[in-house]
Amino acid sequence: MKLPFFTNFTGKCDPEEHVAEFQSQMSSASQRQGDEHETPFNASVGKIFLEIEDNWMLPRPPKKKTTQYKKDMSKYCQYHKDHGHDTDDCRHLKIQIKKLIERAKLKEYVHK
């Protein structure tokens, strides 16, 4: 696993925020490690989400730890209802869709 770039604590910011950022980066890095073996969807994650959001009980997404000033405001995730990344790139949503596929709920979205 490639570790994320992490800066040393210099005391110029809130220590709790610094630790939260580190934990977020480590979480993202560990999730990316599993992306190599993704289920090959036959539609974009965003399209699948739009089609299933009203029909399936998707759990609420985890609260994002990224501070507002670090978010990429040009990207928006419909699942998180927040800026920072696009819906098609949402790891949390991909995981939930995979779980539904594994329970034979969304077979029509998998390449055969």
N, C-alpha and C. Protein backbone atom coordinates (compact mmCIF):
# COMPACT_ATOMS: atom_id res chain seq x y z
N MET A 1 0.85 -1.18 0.00
CA MET A 1 0.00 0.00 0.00
C MET A 1 0.88 1.23 0.00
N LYS A 2 0.62 2.14 -0.91
CA LYS A 2 1.35 3.40 -0.96
C LYS A 2 0.76 4.34 0.10
N LEU A 3 1.60 4.82 0.99
CA LEU A 3 1.13 5.71 2.03
C LEU A 3 0.95 7.12 1.50
N PRO A 4 -0.05 7.84 2.00
CA PRO A 4 -0.27 9.21 1.54
C PRO A 4 0.80 10.15 2.06
N PHE A 5 0.99 11.25 1.38
CA PHE A 5 1.90 12.28 1.84
C PHE A 5 1.31 12.89 3.11
N PHE A 6 2.13 13.03 4.12
CA PHE A 6 1.64 13.58 5.38
C PHE A 6 2.67 14.55 5.93
N THR A 7 2.23 15.71 6.30
CA THR A 7 3.13 16.72 6.83
C THR A 7 3.29 16.57 8.33
N ASN A 8 4.44 16.96 8.83
CA ASN A 8 4.69 16.93 10.27
C ASN A 8 3.89 18.02 10.97
N PHE A 9 3.52 17.75 12.18
CA PHE A 9 2.79 18.74 12.98
C PHE A 9 3.76 19.84 13.40
N THR A 10 3.40 21.07 13.06
CA THR A 10 4.28 22.21 13.37
C THR A 10 3.74 23.07 14.50
N GLY A 11 2.52 22.78 14.94
CA GLY A 11 1.93 23.58 16.01
C GLY A 11 1.18 24.80 15.49
N LYS A 12 1.13 24.97 14.16
CA LYS A 12 0.46 26.15 13.59
C LYS A 12 -1.02 25.92 13.33
N CYS A 13 -1.50 24.69 13.56
CA CYS A 13 -2.91 24.40 13.37
C CYS A 13 -3.41 23.61 14.58
N ASP A 14 -4.70 23.38 14.59
CA ASP A 14 -5.31 22.63 15.68
C ASP A 14 -4.84 21.17 15.63
N PRO A 15 -4.29 20.64 16.73
CA PRO A 15 -3.78 19.26 16.72
C PRO A 15 -4.86 18.22 16.40
N GLU A 16 -6.08 18.43 16.86
CA GLU A 16 -7.15 17.48 16.58
C GLU A 16 -7.47 17.46 15.09
N GLU A 17 -7.45 18.63 14.46
CA GLU A 17 -7.70 18.71 13.02
C GLU A 17 -6.58 18.00 12.25
N HIS A 18 -5.35 18.17 12.71
CA HIS A 18 -4.20 17.53 12.08
C HIS A 18 -4.34 16.00 12.14
N VAL A 19 -4.71 15.47 13.28
CA VAL A 19 -4.90 14.03 13.46
C VAL A 19 -6.06 13.54 12.60
N ALA A 20 -7.17 14.30 12.58
CA ALA A 20 -8.33 13.91 11.77
C ALA A 20 -7.96 13.84 10.29
N GLU A 21 -7.16 14.77 9.82
CA GLU A 21 -6.73 14.77 8.42
C GLU A 21 -5.87 13.53 8.13
N PHE A 22 -4.98 13.21 9.05
CA PHE A 22 -4.13 12.01 8.90
C PHE A 22 -5.00 10.76 8.83
N GLN A 23 -5.96 10.64 9.74
CA GLN A 23 -6.83 9.46 9.75
C GLN A 23 -7.63 9.37 8.46
N SER A 24 -8.08 10.49 7.97
CA SER A 24 -8.83 10.51 6.71
C SER A 24 -7.95 10.04 5.55
N GLN A 25 -6.72 10.52 5.51
CA GLN A 25 -5.80 10.13 4.45
C GLN A 25 -5.48 8.63 4.53
N MET A 26 -5.28 8.12 5.73
CA MET A 26 -4.97 6.70 5.90
C MET A 26 -6.17 5.84 5.49
N SER A 27 -7.37 6.28 5.84
CA SER A 27 -8.58 5.56 5.48
C SER A 27 -8.74 5.51 3.96
N SER A 28 -8.50 6.66 3.32
CA SER A 28 -8.61 6.72 1.86
C SER A 28 -7.58 5.82 1.20
N ALA A 29 -6.36 5.80 1.74
CA ALA A 29 -5.29 4.98 1.17
C ALA A 29 -5.63 3.49 1.29
N SER A 30 -6.17 3.08 2.43
CA SER A 30 -6.51 1.67 2.60
C SER A 30 -7.68 1.27 1.72
N GLN A 31 -8.63 2.18 1.50
CA GLN A 31 -9.76 1.87 0.62
C GLN A 31 -9.30 1.78 -0.82
N ARG A 32 -8.36 2.64 -1.23
CA ARG A 32 -7.85 2.61 -2.60
C ARG A 32 -7.15 1.29 -2.89
N GLN A 33 -6.54 0.69 -1.88
CA GLN A 33 -5.84 -0.57 -2.07
C GLN A 33 -6.80 -1.64 -2.59
N GLY A 34 -8.04 -1.63 -2.14
CA GLY A 34 -9.01 -2.62 -2.58
C GLY A 34 -9.65 -2.30 -3.92
N ASP A 35 -9.41 -1.11 -4.46
CA ASP A 35 -10.03 -0.70 -5.72
C ASP A 35 -9.56 -1.53 -6.91
N GLU A 36 -8.41 -2.21 -6.78
CA GLU A 36 -7.87 -2.98 -7.90
C GLU A 36 -8.82 -4.11 -8.30
N HIS A 37 -9.61 -4.61 -7.36
CA HIS A 37 -10.48 -5.75 -7.62
C HIS A 37 -11.95 -5.33 -7.61
N GLU A 38 -12.22 -4.20 -8.21
CA GLU A 38 -13.58 -3.68 -8.22
C GLU A 38 -14.50 -4.53 -9.08
N THR A 39 -15.76 -4.56 -8.69
CA THR A 39 -16.78 -5.19 -9.50
C THR A 39 -16.98 -4.34 -10.75
N PRO A 40 -16.92 -4.93 -11.94
CA PRO A 40 -17.08 -4.14 -13.17
C PRO A 40 -18.56 -3.81 -13.42
N PHE A 41 -18.94 -2.59 -13.09
CA PHE A 41 -20.32 -2.16 -13.33
C PHE A 41 -20.52 -1.87 -14.80
N ASN A 42 -21.75 -2.06 -15.30
CA ASN A 42 -22.04 -1.77 -16.70
C ASN A 42 -22.68 -0.39 -16.87
N ALA A 43 -22.70 0.39 -15.79
CA ALA A 43 -23.18 1.77 -15.82
C ALA A 43 -22.34 2.56 -14.82
N SER A 44 -22.34 3.86 -14.94
CA SER A 44 -21.57 4.66 -14.00
C SER A 44 -22.18 4.57 -12.61
N VAL A 45 -21.36 4.77 -11.60
CA VAL A 45 -21.83 4.73 -10.22
C VAL A 45 -22.90 5.79 -10.00
N GLY A 46 -22.70 6.96 -10.60
CA GLY A 46 -23.69 8.03 -10.48
C GLY A 46 -25.04 7.66 -11.08
N LYS A 47 -25.01 7.00 -12.24
CA LYS A 47 -26.25 6.58 -12.90
C LYS A 47 -26.96 5.51 -12.07
N ILE A 48 -26.19 4.56 -11.55
CA ILE A 48 -26.80 3.52 -10.71
C ILE A 48 -27.43 4.16 -9.48
N PHE A 49 -26.72 5.10 -8.86
CA PHE A 49 -27.26 5.77 -7.66
C PHE A 49 -28.58 6.46 -7.97
N LEU A 50 -28.65 7.19 -9.09
CA LEU A 50 -29.89 7.89 -9.43
C LEU A 50 -31.05 6.92 -9.64
N GLU A 51 -30.73 5.72 -10.17
CA GLU A 51 -31.78 4.75 -10.42
C GLU A 51 -32.23 4.00 -9.16
N ILE A 52 -31.34 3.89 -8.17
CA ILE A 52 -31.69 3.09 -6.98
C ILE A 52 -31.95 3.91 -5.73
N GLU A 53 -31.65 5.20 -5.74
CA GLU A 53 -31.73 5.96 -4.49
C GLU A 53 -33.12 5.96 -3.86
N ASP A 54 -34.16 5.89 -4.65
CA ASP A 54 -35.51 5.87 -4.10
C ASP A 54 -36.04 4.46 -3.84
N ASN A 55 -35.43 3.45 -4.48
CA ASN A 55 -35.93 2.08 -4.39
C ASN A 55 -35.22 1.22 -3.35
N TRP A 56 -34.03 1.59 -2.95
CA TRP A 56 -33.24 0.77 -2.04
C TRP A 56 -32.89 1.56 -0.79
N MET A 57 -32.80 0.85 0.29
CA MET A 57 -32.43 1.48 1.55
C MET A 57 -30.90 1.55 1.64
N LEU A 58 -30.34 2.61 1.11
CA LEU A 58 -28.90 2.81 1.22
C LEU A 58 -28.62 3.43 2.59
N PRO A 59 -27.63 2.91 3.30
CA PRO A 59 -27.32 3.52 4.59
C PRO A 59 -26.80 4.94 4.40
N ARG A 60 -26.97 5.73 5.40
CA ARG A 60 -26.44 7.09 5.32
C ARG A 60 -24.93 7.03 5.19
N PRO A 61 -24.36 7.87 4.37
CA PRO A 61 -22.91 7.83 4.20
C PRO A 61 -22.22 8.31 5.48
N PRO A 62 -20.99 7.84 5.69
CA PRO A 62 -20.25 8.31 6.86
C PRO A 62 -19.98 9.80 6.74
N LYS A 63 -19.93 10.46 7.86
CA LYS A 63 -19.67 11.90 7.86
C LYS A 63 -18.25 12.14 7.37
N LYS A 64 -18.11 13.05 6.43
CA LYS A 64 -16.81 13.36 5.88
C LYS A 64 -16.02 14.20 6.86
N LYS A 65 -14.71 13.91 6.96
CA LYS A 65 -13.86 14.58 7.93
C LYS A 65 -13.07 15.74 7.33
N THR A 66 -13.13 15.89 6.02
CA THR A 66 -12.37 16.95 5.36
C THR A 66 -12.95 18.31 5.72
N THR A 67 -12.08 19.22 6.06
CA THR A 67 -12.54 20.56 6.39
C THR A 67 -12.99 21.28 5.13
N GLN A 68 -13.90 22.20 5.29
CA GLN A 68 -14.53 22.89 4.16
C GLN A 68 -13.50 23.54 3.23
N TYR A 69 -12.46 24.14 3.78
CA TYR A 69 -11.52 24.86 2.92
C TYR A 69 -10.64 23.93 2.09
N LYS A 70 -10.62 22.63 2.40
CA LYS A 70 -9.81 21.69 1.63
C LYS A 70 -10.62 20.96 0.56
N LYS A 71 -11.92 21.17 0.52
CA LYS A 71 -12.77 20.46 -0.44
C LYS A 71 -12.66 21.08 -1.82
N ASP A 72 -12.72 20.23 -2.83
CA ASP A 72 -12.75 20.69 -4.21
C ASP A 72 -14.20 21.05 -4.52
N MET A 73 -14.49 22.34 -4.55
CA MET A 73 -15.86 22.80 -4.73
C MET A 73 -16.38 22.59 -6.15
N SER A 74 -15.51 22.18 -7.07
CA SER A 74 -15.97 21.92 -8.44
C SER A 74 -16.53 20.50 -8.58
N LYS A 75 -16.39 19.69 -7.52
CA LYS A 75 -16.89 18.31 -7.55
C LYS A 75 -17.98 18.15 -6.51
N TYR A 76 -19.02 17.36 -6.86
CA TYR A 76 -20.15 17.17 -5.95
C TYR A 76 -20.57 15.71 -5.94
N CYS A 77 -20.76 15.17 -4.75
CA CYS A 77 -21.22 13.78 -4.60
C CYS A 77 -22.68 13.80 -4.18
N GLN A 78 -23.53 13.18 -5.00
CA GLN A 78 -24.97 13.14 -4.70
C GLN A 78 -25.26 12.24 -3.50
N TYR A 79 -24.45 11.23 -3.27
CA TYR A 79 -24.65 10.33 -2.13
C TYR A 79 -24.34 11.05 -0.82
N HIS A 80 -23.21 11.74 -0.76
CA HIS A 80 -22.85 12.47 0.45
C HIS A 80 -23.58 13.82 0.56
N LYS A 81 -24.12 14.28 -0.57
CA LYS A 81 -24.74 15.60 -0.64
C LYS A 81 -23.75 16.67 -0.15
N ASP A 82 -22.54 16.56 -0.73
CA ASP A 82 -21.46 17.44 -0.31
C ASP A 82 -20.43 17.55 -1.43
N HIS A 83 -19.62 18.57 -1.35
CA HIS A 83 -18.54 18.78 -2.31
C HIS A 83 -17.29 18.03 -1.87
N GLY A 84 -16.37 17.84 -2.81
CA GLY A 84 -15.09 17.21 -2.50
C GLY A 84 -14.70 16.13 -3.50
N HIS A 85 -15.68 15.40 -4.01
CA HIS A 85 -15.44 14.38 -5.03
C HIS A 85 -16.73 14.17 -5.82
N ASP A 86 -16.59 13.60 -7.01
CA ASP A 86 -17.75 13.33 -7.85
C ASP A 86 -18.43 12.03 -7.41
N THR A 87 -19.71 11.93 -7.70
CA THR A 87 -20.48 10.73 -7.35
C THR A 87 -19.85 9.49 -7.96
N ASP A 88 -19.38 9.58 -9.21
CA ASP A 88 -18.78 8.43 -9.88
C ASP A 88 -17.50 7.95 -9.20
N ASP A 89 -16.86 8.81 -8.42
CA ASP A 89 -15.62 8.46 -7.73
C ASP A 89 -15.83 8.13 -6.26
N CYS A 90 -17.06 8.07 -5.81
CA CYS A 90 -17.37 7.87 -4.39
C CYS A 90 -17.12 6.43 -3.96
N ARG A 91 -16.10 6.21 -3.14
CA ARG A 91 -15.76 4.87 -2.68
C ARG A 91 -16.85 4.30 -1.78
N HIS A 92 -17.41 5.14 -0.92
CA HIS A 92 -18.46 4.66 -0.02
C HIS A 92 -19.67 4.16 -0.81
N LEU A 93 -20.06 4.88 -1.85
CA LEU A 93 -21.20 4.47 -2.66
C LEU A 93 -20.89 3.18 -3.42
N LYS A 94 -19.67 3.07 -3.96
CA LYS A 94 -19.27 1.84 -4.66
C LYS A 94 -19.39 0.63 -3.73
N ILE A 95 -18.96 0.80 -2.49
CA ILE A 95 -19.03 -0.29 -1.52
C ILE A 95 -20.49 -0.70 -1.28
N GLN A 96 -21.38 0.29 -1.14
CA GLN A 96 -22.79 -0.02 -0.89
C GLN A 96 -23.43 -0.72 -2.10
N ILE A 97 -23.07 -0.27 -3.30
CA ILE A 97 -23.60 -0.91 -4.52
C ILE A 97 -23.08 -2.35 -4.61
N LYS A 98 -21.78 -2.56 -4.30
CA LYS A 98 -21.22 -3.92 -4.31
C LYS A 98 -21.97 -4.82 -3.34
N LYS A 99 -22.28 -4.30 -2.16
CA LYS A 99 -23.00 -5.10 -1.17
C LYS A 99 -24.37 -5.50 -1.69
N LEU A 100 -25.05 -4.59 -2.37
CA LEU A 100 -26.36 -4.91 -2.94
C LEU A 100 -26.23 -5.96 -4.04
N ILE A 101 -25.16 -5.86 -4.84
CA ILE A 101 -24.92 -6.85 -5.90
C ILE A 101 -24.65 -8.21 -5.28
N GLU A 102 -23.84 -8.25 -4.22
CA GLU A 102 -23.52 -9.51 -3.55
C GLU A 102 -24.77 -10.17 -2.96
N ARG A 103 -25.75 -9.36 -2.59
CA ARG A 103 -27.01 -9.90 -2.07
C ARG A 103 -28.01 -10.14 -3.20
N ALA A 104 -27.52 -10.16 -4.44
CA ALA A 104 -28.32 -10.43 -5.64
C ALA A 104 -29.44 -9.42 -5.84
N LYS A 105 -29.23 -8.19 -5.42
CA LYS A 105 -30.25 -7.15 -5.58
C LYS A 105 -30.06 -6.33 -6.86
N LEU A 106 -28.84 -6.22 -7.35
CA LEU A 106 -28.57 -5.35 -8.51
C LEU A 106 -27.78 -6.08 -9.60
N LYS A 107 -28.15 -7.29 -9.91
CA LYS A 107 -27.42 -8.09 -10.91
C LYS A 107 -27.36 -7.40 -12.28
N GLU A 108 -28.38 -6.61 -12.57
CA GLU A 108 -28.43 -5.99 -13.90
C GLU A 108 -27.35 -4.94 -14.13
N TYR A 109 -26.61 -4.56 -13.09
CA TYR A 109 -25.57 -3.55 -13.22
C TYR A 109 -24.16 -4.14 -13.26
N VAL A 110 -24.05 -5.46 -13.42
CA VAL A 110 -22.75 -6.10 -13.45
C VAL A 110 -22.48 -6.66 -14.83
N HIS A 111 -21.24 -6.43 -15.34
CA HIS A 111 -20.83 -7.05 -16.61
C HIS A 111 -20.77 -8.55 -16.41
N LYS A 112 -21.25 -9.27 -17.41
CA LYS A 112 -21.22 -10.75 -17.32
C LYS A 112 -20.08 -11.32 -18.09
